[in-house]
Amino acid sequence: MEQDYKRILVPVDGSKEAEMAFKKAVKVAQMNGGHLDVLTVLDTKQFIGLHGGMLNGDVIYQLSEDAQKYLNELKDGAVKDGFNVDDIDIHVRFGEPKTVISQEFIEEYKNDLIMIGSTGMNAVTRLLVGSVSEYVTRNARTDVIIVRTDIDNKKLVDKKK
């Protein structure tokens, strides 16, 4: 069975795990002559309680601008390293990251692979809210690769130890 992925989704959130997944997704897309969709999902529920429970237009605009800037930096880095600029698109969405990644986005863009970083949460947080990568693995309507190592297949060093 040949694994020939042509449209790869890599969700990123600024964590080291997500950036490792991005680097590996770039490599997989290059090897397969594929297209890369880089997505960040802004979960506005996490901001409930700020500003009296409402996000005003200025806050939403700034969140979106910051996310767009981050994604452009990732894209520019990949292009600088030789990735074709026409083969990478960046996307900012608002919503529940779990469902946007595992269902809504891939239905719209017809991705055949999701490459996602392993959770950066501690055990208590994971127990209370669940990890996005865990949810995506269970519910995605396409293949999913959980990235746990860097581009050289070395485990991310845990600085807490």
N, C-alpha and C. Protein backbone atom coordinates (compact mmCIF):
# COMPACT_ATOMS: atom_id res chain seq x y z
N MET A 1 0.85 -1.18 0.00
CA MET A 1 0.00 0.00 0.00
C MET A 1 0.89 1.24 0.00
N GLU A 2 0.63 2.13 -0.92
CA GLU A 2 1.41 3.34 -1.05
C GLU A 2 0.77 4.47 -0.24
N GLN A 3 1.60 5.20 0.48
CA GLN A 3 1.11 6.36 1.23
C GLN A 3 1.51 7.60 0.45
N ASP A 4 0.59 8.11 -0.31
CA ASP A 4 0.86 9.25 -1.17
C ASP A 4 -0.10 10.37 -0.79
N TYR A 5 0.33 11.20 0.13
CA TYR A 5 -0.52 12.26 0.64
C TYR A 5 -0.30 13.53 -0.18
N LYS A 6 -1.39 14.08 -0.71
CA LYS A 6 -1.30 15.25 -1.57
C LYS A 6 -1.77 16.54 -0.92
N ARG A 7 -2.59 16.44 0.10
CA ARG A 7 -3.10 17.65 0.76
C ARG A 7 -3.02 17.43 2.27
N ILE A 8 -2.04 18.05 2.90
CA ILE A 8 -1.72 17.82 4.31
C ILE A 8 -2.14 19.03 5.14
N LEU A 9 -2.86 18.75 6.21
CA LEU A 9 -3.24 19.78 7.17
C LEU A 9 -2.34 19.69 8.38
N VAL A 10 -1.77 20.81 8.79
CA VAL A 10 -1.00 20.86 10.02
C VAL A 10 -1.52 22.02 10.87
N PRO A 11 -2.23 21.67 11.96
CA PRO A 11 -2.71 22.71 12.88
C PRO A 11 -1.57 23.14 13.80
N VAL A 12 -1.46 24.44 14.05
CA VAL A 12 -0.41 24.95 14.92
C VAL A 12 -1.00 25.90 15.94
N ASP A 13 -0.38 25.93 17.11
CA ASP A 13 -0.87 26.79 18.19
C ASP A 13 0.26 27.54 18.90
N GLY A 14 1.44 27.52 18.33
CA GLY A 14 2.57 28.21 18.93
C GLY A 14 3.40 27.35 19.87
N SER A 15 2.95 26.13 20.14
CA SER A 15 3.71 25.24 21.04
C SER A 15 4.87 24.60 20.29
N LYS A 16 5.85 24.11 21.05
CA LYS A 16 6.99 23.42 20.45
C LYS A 16 6.54 22.16 19.72
N GLU A 17 5.56 21.47 20.29
CA GLU A 17 5.04 20.25 19.66
C GLU A 17 4.42 20.56 18.30
N ALA A 18 3.67 21.64 18.22
CA ALA A 18 3.03 22.02 16.95
C ALA A 18 4.08 22.43 15.92
N GLU A 19 5.11 23.12 16.37
CA GLU A 19 6.14 23.54 15.43
C GLU A 19 6.96 22.36 14.93
N MET A 20 7.14 21.34 15.76
CA MET A 20 7.79 20.11 15.29
C MET A 20 6.92 19.44 14.23
N ALA A 21 5.62 19.41 14.46
CA ALA A 21 4.69 18.82 13.49
C ALA A 21 4.75 19.60 12.18
N PHE A 22 4.82 20.92 12.28
CA PHE A 22 4.91 21.75 11.07
C PHE A 22 6.15 21.39 10.26
N LYS A 23 7.30 21.30 10.91
CA LYS A 23 8.54 20.99 10.21
C LYS A 23 8.47 19.62 9.53
N LYS A 24 7.90 18.65 10.23
CA LYS A 24 7.77 17.33 9.62
C LYS A 24 6.75 17.34 8.49
N ALA A 25 5.68 18.10 8.63
CA ALA A 25 4.67 18.18 7.58
C ALA A 25 5.26 18.80 6.31
N VAL A 26 6.12 19.79 6.48
CA VAL A 26 6.79 20.39 5.33
C VAL A 26 7.59 19.32 4.60
N LYS A 27 8.32 18.52 5.35
CA LYS A 27 9.14 17.46 4.76
C LYS A 27 8.27 16.42 4.03
N VAL A 28 7.18 16.00 4.66
CA VAL A 28 6.29 15.01 4.04
C VAL A 28 5.66 15.59 2.77
N ALA A 29 5.24 16.84 2.82
CA ALA A 29 4.65 17.48 1.63
C ALA A 29 5.68 17.56 0.50
N GLN A 30 6.92 17.87 0.83
CA GLN A 30 7.97 17.93 -0.19
C GLN A 30 8.20 16.55 -0.80
N MET A 31 8.26 15.53 0.02
CA MET A 31 8.51 14.17 -0.47
C MET A 31 7.38 13.66 -1.36
N ASN A 32 6.16 14.11 -1.11
CA ASN A 32 5.00 13.65 -1.85
C ASN A 32 4.55 14.61 -2.95
N GLY A 33 5.25 15.73 -3.09
CA GLY A 33 4.81 16.73 -4.06
C GLY A 33 3.43 17.26 -3.70
N GLY A 34 3.20 17.38 -2.38
CA GLY A 34 1.88 17.73 -1.88
C GLY A 34 1.74 19.20 -1.51
N HIS A 35 0.52 19.53 -1.14
CA HIS A 35 0.16 20.87 -0.71
C HIS A 35 -0.01 20.88 0.81
N LEU A 36 0.39 21.96 1.44
CA LEU A 36 0.32 22.07 2.89
C LEU A 36 -0.64 23.19 3.28
N ASP A 37 -1.62 22.84 4.13
CA ASP A 37 -2.51 23.82 4.74
C ASP A 37 -2.10 23.97 6.20
N VAL A 38 -1.71 25.17 6.58
CA VAL A 38 -1.30 25.46 7.95
C VAL A 38 -2.44 26.23 8.60
N LEU A 39 -2.95 25.70 9.69
CA LEU A 39 -4.16 26.22 10.32
C LEU A 39 -3.95 26.54 11.78
N THR A 40 -4.46 27.68 12.19
CA THR A 40 -4.58 27.95 13.62
C THR A 40 -6.05 28.26 13.89
N VAL A 41 -6.54 27.70 14.98
CA VAL A 41 -7.94 27.90 15.35
C VAL A 41 -7.97 28.71 16.64
N LEU A 42 -8.62 29.86 16.57
CA LEU A 42 -8.74 30.72 17.73
C LEU A 42 -10.02 30.36 18.46
N ASP A 43 -9.85 29.83 19.66
CA ASP A 43 -10.98 29.38 20.48
C ASP A 43 -11.40 30.53 21.38
N THR A 44 -12.41 31.27 20.98
CA THR A 44 -12.82 32.45 21.73
C THR A 44 -13.43 32.11 23.08
N LYS A 45 -13.80 30.84 23.29
CA LYS A 45 -14.33 30.45 24.61
C LYS A 45 -13.31 30.64 25.71
N GLN A 46 -12.04 30.56 25.38
CA GLN A 46 -11.01 30.71 26.40
C GLN A 46 -10.93 32.14 26.93
N PHE A 47 -11.55 33.08 26.23
CA PHE A 47 -11.51 34.47 26.66
C PHE A 47 -12.78 34.92 27.38
N ILE A 48 -13.69 33.99 27.63
CA ILE A 48 -14.91 34.35 28.37
C ILE A 48 -14.50 34.81 29.76
N GLY A 49 -15.08 35.87 30.18
CA GLY A 49 -14.72 36.44 31.48
C GLY A 49 -13.91 37.71 31.32
N LEU A 50 -13.18 37.79 30.22
CA LEU A 50 -12.46 39.03 29.92
C LEU A 50 -13.44 40.03 29.33
N HIS A 51 -13.26 41.26 29.60
CA HIS A 51 -14.10 42.33 29.03
C HIS A 51 -15.58 42.09 29.31
N GLY A 52 -15.90 41.65 30.51
CA GLY A 52 -17.30 41.43 30.87
C GLY A 52 -17.92 40.26 30.14
N GLY A 53 -17.11 39.30 29.70
CA GLY A 53 -17.64 38.13 29.02
C GLY A 53 -17.78 38.30 27.52
N MET A 54 -17.48 39.46 27.02
CA MET A 54 -17.61 39.71 25.58
C MET A 54 -16.26 40.14 25.01
N LEU A 55 -15.99 39.67 23.82
CA LEU A 55 -14.81 40.13 23.11
C LEU A 55 -15.25 41.23 22.16
N ASN A 56 -14.62 42.39 22.27
CA ASN A 56 -15.00 43.46 21.33
C ASN A 56 -14.24 43.28 20.02
N GLY A 57 -14.63 44.05 19.04
CA GLY A 57 -14.04 43.93 17.72
C GLY A 57 -12.55 44.16 17.69
N ASP A 58 -12.05 45.09 18.52
CA ASP A 58 -10.62 45.36 18.55
C ASP A 58 -9.82 44.16 19.04
N VAL A 59 -10.34 43.49 20.07
CA VAL A 59 -9.65 42.31 20.61
C VAL A 59 -9.64 41.18 19.58
N ILE A 60 -10.78 40.95 18.96
CA ILE A 60 -10.87 39.89 17.94
C ILE A 60 -9.94 40.20 16.77
N TYR A 61 -9.93 41.45 16.35
CA TYR A 61 -9.05 41.85 15.25
C TYR A 61 -7.59 41.60 15.62
N GLN A 62 -7.18 41.98 16.84
CA GLN A 62 -5.79 41.80 17.25
C GLN A 62 -5.42 40.32 17.34
N LEU A 63 -6.33 39.50 17.86
CA LEU A 63 -6.08 38.05 17.91
C LEU A 63 -5.84 37.50 16.51
N SER A 64 -6.69 37.90 15.60
CA SER A 64 -6.58 37.44 14.22
C SER A 64 -5.29 37.92 13.56
N GLU A 65 -4.94 39.16 13.79
CA GLU A 65 -3.70 39.72 13.23
C GLU A 65 -2.47 39.00 13.78
N ASP A 66 -2.46 38.75 15.08
CA ASP A 66 -1.33 38.04 15.70
C ASP A 66 -1.20 36.63 15.13
N ALA A 67 -2.32 35.95 14.96
CA ALA A 67 -2.30 34.59 14.40
C ALA A 67 -1.80 34.62 12.96
N GLN A 68 -2.28 35.58 12.19
CA GLN A 68 -1.86 35.71 10.79
C GLN A 68 -0.35 35.96 10.70
N LYS A 69 0.16 36.81 11.56
CA LYS A 69 1.60 37.11 11.58
C LYS A 69 2.41 35.85 11.89
N TYR A 70 1.97 35.10 12.89
CA TYR A 70 2.65 33.85 13.27
C TYR A 70 2.67 32.86 12.11
N LEU A 71 1.53 32.68 11.45
CA LEU A 71 1.45 31.74 10.33
C LEU A 71 2.32 32.20 9.16
N ASN A 72 2.35 33.50 8.91
CA ASN A 72 3.21 34.02 7.84
C ASN A 72 4.68 33.77 8.14
N GLU A 73 5.07 33.87 9.42
CA GLU A 73 6.46 33.59 9.80
C GLU A 73 6.80 32.13 9.54
N LEU A 74 5.87 31.22 9.87
CA LEU A 74 6.10 29.80 9.58
C LEU A 74 6.23 29.57 8.07
N LYS A 75 5.31 30.14 7.32
CA LYS A 75 5.31 29.98 5.86
C LYS A 75 6.61 30.53 5.27
N ASP A 76 7.00 31.73 5.68
CA ASP A 76 8.22 32.35 5.16
C ASP A 76 9.44 31.49 5.45
N GLY A 77 9.49 30.89 6.65
CA GLY A 77 10.60 30.01 7.00
C GLY A 77 10.66 28.78 6.10
N ALA A 78 9.50 28.20 5.82
CA ALA A 78 9.44 27.02 4.96
C ALA A 78 9.87 27.37 3.53
N VAL A 79 9.42 28.51 3.04
CA VAL A 79 9.78 28.95 1.69
C VAL A 79 11.28 29.25 1.62
N LYS A 80 11.80 29.88 2.66
CA LYS A 80 13.24 30.17 2.72
C LYS A 80 14.06 28.89 2.67
N ASP A 81 13.51 27.81 3.25
CA ASP A 81 14.20 26.51 3.26
C ASP A 81 13.93 25.69 2.00
N GLY A 82 13.27 26.29 1.01
CA GLY A 82 13.12 25.62 -0.27
C GLY A 82 11.73 25.11 -0.61
N PHE A 83 10.76 25.31 0.27
CA PHE A 83 9.40 24.85 -0.02
C PHE A 83 8.75 25.82 -1.02
N ASN A 84 8.03 25.28 -1.99
CA ASN A 84 7.39 26.09 -3.02
C ASN A 84 6.28 26.94 -2.41
N VAL A 85 6.34 28.25 -2.61
CA VAL A 85 5.38 29.18 -2.02
C VAL A 85 3.95 28.88 -2.48
N ASP A 86 3.78 28.32 -3.67
CA ASP A 86 2.44 28.01 -4.18
C ASP A 86 1.85 26.75 -3.54
N ASP A 87 2.68 25.99 -2.82
CA ASP A 87 2.22 24.74 -2.23
C ASP A 87 1.92 24.85 -0.74
N ILE A 88 1.81 26.07 -0.23
CA ILE A 88 1.51 26.25 1.19
C ILE A 88 0.51 27.41 1.36
N ASP A 89 -0.56 27.12 2.07
CA ASP A 89 -1.56 28.14 2.38
C ASP A 89 -1.73 28.21 3.89
N ILE A 90 -2.01 29.42 4.37
CA ILE A 90 -2.24 29.60 5.80
C ILE A 90 -3.70 29.99 6.02
N HIS A 91 -4.23 29.55 7.18
CA HIS A 91 -5.63 29.76 7.49
C HIS A 91 -5.80 30.08 8.97
N VAL A 92 -6.67 31.06 9.26
CA VAL A 92 -7.06 31.37 10.63
C VAL A 92 -8.56 31.15 10.72
N ARG A 93 -8.97 30.36 11.69
CA ARG A 93 -10.39 30.11 11.91
C ARG A 93 -10.74 30.39 13.36
N PHE A 94 -11.99 30.73 13.59
CA PHE A 94 -12.53 30.86 14.93
C PHE A 94 -13.44 29.66 15.17
N GLY A 95 -13.42 29.14 16.40
CA GLY A 95 -14.31 28.03 16.72
C GLY A 95 -13.68 27.08 17.71
N GLU A 96 -14.27 25.91 17.83
CA GLU A 96 -13.77 24.85 18.71
C GLU A 96 -12.66 24.10 17.96
N PRO A 97 -11.41 24.20 18.40
CA PRO A 97 -10.31 23.58 17.66
C PRO A 97 -10.52 22.10 17.34
N LYS A 98 -11.06 21.36 18.27
CA LYS A 98 -11.24 19.92 18.06
C LYS A 98 -12.08 19.62 16.84
N THR A 99 -13.22 20.27 16.72
CA THR A 99 -14.12 19.97 15.60
C THR A 99 -13.70 20.67 14.32
N VAL A 100 -13.15 21.86 14.42
CA VAL A 100 -12.68 22.55 13.21
C VAL A 100 -11.60 21.70 12.54
N ILE A 101 -10.65 21.20 13.31
CA ILE A 101 -9.54 20.42 12.76
C ILE A 101 -10.01 19.06 12.25
N SER A 102 -10.74 18.33 13.07
CA SER A 102 -11.06 16.94 12.73
C SER A 102 -12.18 16.80 11.71
N GLN A 103 -13.01 17.81 11.55
CA GLN A 103 -14.17 17.64 10.67
C GLN A 103 -14.35 18.79 9.69
N GLU A 104 -14.57 20.00 10.19
CA GLU A 104 -14.99 21.11 9.33
C GLU A 104 -13.94 21.48 8.27
N PHE A 105 -12.71 21.68 8.70
CA PHE A 105 -11.68 22.13 7.77
C PHE A 105 -11.39 21.08 6.71
N ILE A 106 -11.21 19.83 7.13
CA ILE A 106 -10.84 18.80 6.15
C ILE A 106 -11.97 18.51 5.16
N GLU A 107 -13.21 18.73 5.57
CA GLU A 107 -14.31 18.58 4.62
C GLU A 107 -14.23 19.65 3.55
N GLU A 108 -13.91 20.87 3.95
CA GLU A 108 -13.86 21.98 3.01
C GLU A 108 -12.65 21.90 2.09
N TYR A 109 -11.49 21.52 2.62
CA TYR A 109 -10.25 21.54 1.84
C TYR A 109 -9.80 20.16 1.35
N LYS A 110 -10.54 19.12 1.69
CA LYS A 110 -10.27 17.75 1.19
C LYS A 110 -8.87 17.26 1.53
N ASN A 111 -8.43 17.53 2.77
CA ASN A 111 -7.12 17.05 3.21
C ASN A 111 -7.15 15.54 3.36
N ASP A 112 -6.05 14.88 2.99
CA ASP A 112 -5.98 13.43 3.13
C ASP A 112 -5.05 13.00 4.27
N LEU A 113 -4.48 13.97 4.97
CA LEU A 113 -3.63 13.68 6.13
C LEU A 113 -3.63 14.88 7.06
N ILE A 114 -3.70 14.60 8.36
CA ILE A 114 -3.51 15.62 9.39
C ILE A 114 -2.24 15.24 10.14
N MET A 115 -1.31 16.18 10.25
CA MET A 115 -0.12 15.98 11.07
C MET A 115 -0.21 16.98 12.21
N ILE A 116 -0.30 16.46 13.43
CA ILE A 116 -0.56 17.32 14.59
C ILE A 116 0.44 16.98 15.70
N GLY A 117 0.87 18.00 16.42
CA GLY A 117 1.79 17.79 17.53
C GLY A 117 1.10 17.09 18.68
N SER A 118 1.87 16.33 19.43
CA SER A 118 1.30 15.71 20.63
C SER A 118 0.99 16.81 21.63
N THR A 119 0.19 16.52 22.59
CA THR A 119 -0.27 17.52 23.54
C THR A 119 0.88 18.09 24.36
N GLY A 120 0.77 19.37 24.64
CA GLY A 120 1.74 20.01 25.51
C GLY A 120 1.17 20.19 26.92
N MET A 121 -0.02 19.65 27.15
CA MET A 121 -0.69 19.83 28.45
C MET A 121 -0.14 18.88 29.50
N ASN A 122 -0.33 19.28 30.75
CA ASN A 122 0.01 18.36 31.83
C ASN A 122 -1.15 17.39 32.03
N ALA A 123 -0.95 16.38 32.84
CA ALA A 123 -1.95 15.32 33.02
C ALA A 123 -3.27 15.83 33.57
N VAL A 124 -3.23 16.78 34.49
CA VAL A 124 -4.47 17.30 35.09
C VAL A 124 -5.29 18.06 34.05
N THR A 125 -4.65 18.94 33.29
CA THR A 125 -5.36 19.69 32.27
C THR A 125 -5.93 18.75 31.22
N ARG A 126 -5.14 17.76 30.81
CA ARG A 126 -5.59 16.79 29.82
C ARG A 126 -6.83 16.05 30.32
N LEU A 127 -6.84 15.70 31.61
CA LEU A 127 -7.97 14.99 32.21
C LEU A 127 -9.22 15.88 32.21
N LEU A 128 -9.06 17.16 32.53
CA LEU A 128 -10.20 18.06 32.63
C LEU A 128 -10.76 18.49 31.28
N VAL A 129 -9.91 18.86 30.34
CA VAL A 129 -10.40 19.39 29.07
C VAL A 129 -10.16 18.47 27.89
N GLY A 130 -9.28 17.49 28.04
CA GLY A 130 -8.97 16.60 26.93
C GLY A 130 -8.03 17.27 25.95
N SER A 131 -7.22 16.47 25.32
CA SER A 131 -6.27 17.04 24.38
C SER A 131 -6.88 17.12 22.99
N VAL A 132 -6.52 18.16 22.27
CA VAL A 132 -6.99 18.32 20.90
C VAL A 132 -6.47 17.17 20.04
N SER A 133 -5.18 16.84 20.19
CA SER A 133 -4.62 15.76 19.36
C SER A 133 -5.32 14.43 19.62
N GLU A 134 -5.68 14.17 20.87
CA GLU A 134 -6.39 12.93 21.19
C GLU A 134 -7.76 12.92 20.52
N TYR A 135 -8.48 14.02 20.60
CA TYR A 135 -9.81 14.12 19.99
C TYR A 135 -9.71 13.95 18.47
N VAL A 136 -8.74 14.64 17.86
CA VAL A 136 -8.57 14.57 16.41
C VAL A 136 -8.27 13.13 15.99
N THR A 137 -7.40 12.46 16.73
CA THR A 137 -7.07 11.08 16.41
C THR A 137 -8.30 10.19 16.41
N ARG A 138 -9.17 10.38 17.38
CA ARG A 138 -10.37 9.54 17.49
C ARG A 138 -11.46 9.90 16.49
N ASN A 139 -11.54 11.16 16.09
CA ASN A 139 -12.70 11.62 15.33
C ASN A 139 -12.45 12.12 13.91
N ALA A 140 -11.21 12.24 13.52
CA ALA A 140 -10.92 12.76 12.18
C ALA A 140 -11.44 11.83 11.10
N ARG A 141 -11.81 12.44 10.01
CA ARG A 141 -12.34 11.68 8.88
C ARG A 141 -11.26 11.42 7.84
N THR A 142 -10.01 11.40 8.29
CA THR A 142 -8.87 11.13 7.43
C THR A 142 -7.72 10.58 8.28
N ASP A 143 -6.62 10.23 7.66
CA ASP A 143 -5.46 9.74 8.39
C ASP A 143 -4.88 10.84 9.27
N VAL A 144 -4.34 10.43 10.43
CA VAL A 144 -3.75 11.37 11.38
C VAL A 144 -2.40 10.82 11.82
N ILE A 145 -1.41 11.68 11.83
CA ILE A 145 -0.10 11.35 12.40
C ILE A 145 0.14 12.28 13.57
N ILE A 146 0.38 11.69 14.75
CA ILE A 146 0.75 12.47 15.93
C ILE A 146 2.28 12.58 15.93
N VAL A 147 2.78 13.78 15.87
CA VAL A 147 4.22 14.01 15.81
C VAL A 147 4.74 14.18 17.23
N ARG A 148 5.67 13.32 17.60
CA ARG A 148 6.25 13.34 18.94
C ARG A 148 7.76 13.61 18.93
N THR A 149 8.34 13.69 17.74
CA THR A 149 9.78 13.87 17.63
C THR A 149 10.10 14.99 16.65
N ASP A 150 11.32 15.49 16.73
CA ASP A 150 11.73 16.57 15.84
C ASP A 150 12.05 16.04 14.45
N ILE A 151 12.55 16.88 13.60
CA ILE A 151 12.81 16.53 12.21
C ILE A 151 13.85 15.41 12.09
N ASP A 152 14.70 15.27 13.11
CA ASP A 152 15.71 14.21 13.13
C ASP A 152 15.25 12.99 13.94
N ASN A 153 13.96 12.93 14.23
CA ASN A 153 13.35 11.84 14.99
C ASN A 153 13.88 11.72 16.40
N LYS A 154 14.24 12.85 16.99
CA LYS A 154 14.66 12.89 18.38
C LYS A 154 13.54 13.49 19.21
N LYS A 155 13.32 12.87 20.35
CA LYS A 155 12.25 13.33 21.24
C LYS A 155 12.54 14.74 21.74
N LEU A 156 11.47 15.54 21.84
CA LEU A 156 11.60 16.89 22.38
C LEU A 156 12.09 16.80 23.82
N VAL A 157 13.10 17.57 24.15
CA VAL A 157 13.66 17.55 25.49
C VAL A 157 12.71 18.27 26.43
N ASP A 158 12.35 17.59 27.53
CA ASP A 158 11.48 18.17 28.55
C ASP A 158 12.34 18.97 29.52
N LYS A 159 12.19 20.29 29.51
CA LYS A 159 13.02 21.16 30.35
C LYS A 159 12.59 21.19 31.80
N LYS A 160 11.49 20.52 32.14
CA LYS A 160 11.02 20.51 33.52
C LYS A 160 11.85 19.59 34.40
N LYS A 161 12.55 18.67 33.79
CA LYS A 161 13.32 17.68 34.55
C LYS A 161 14.63 18.23 35.03
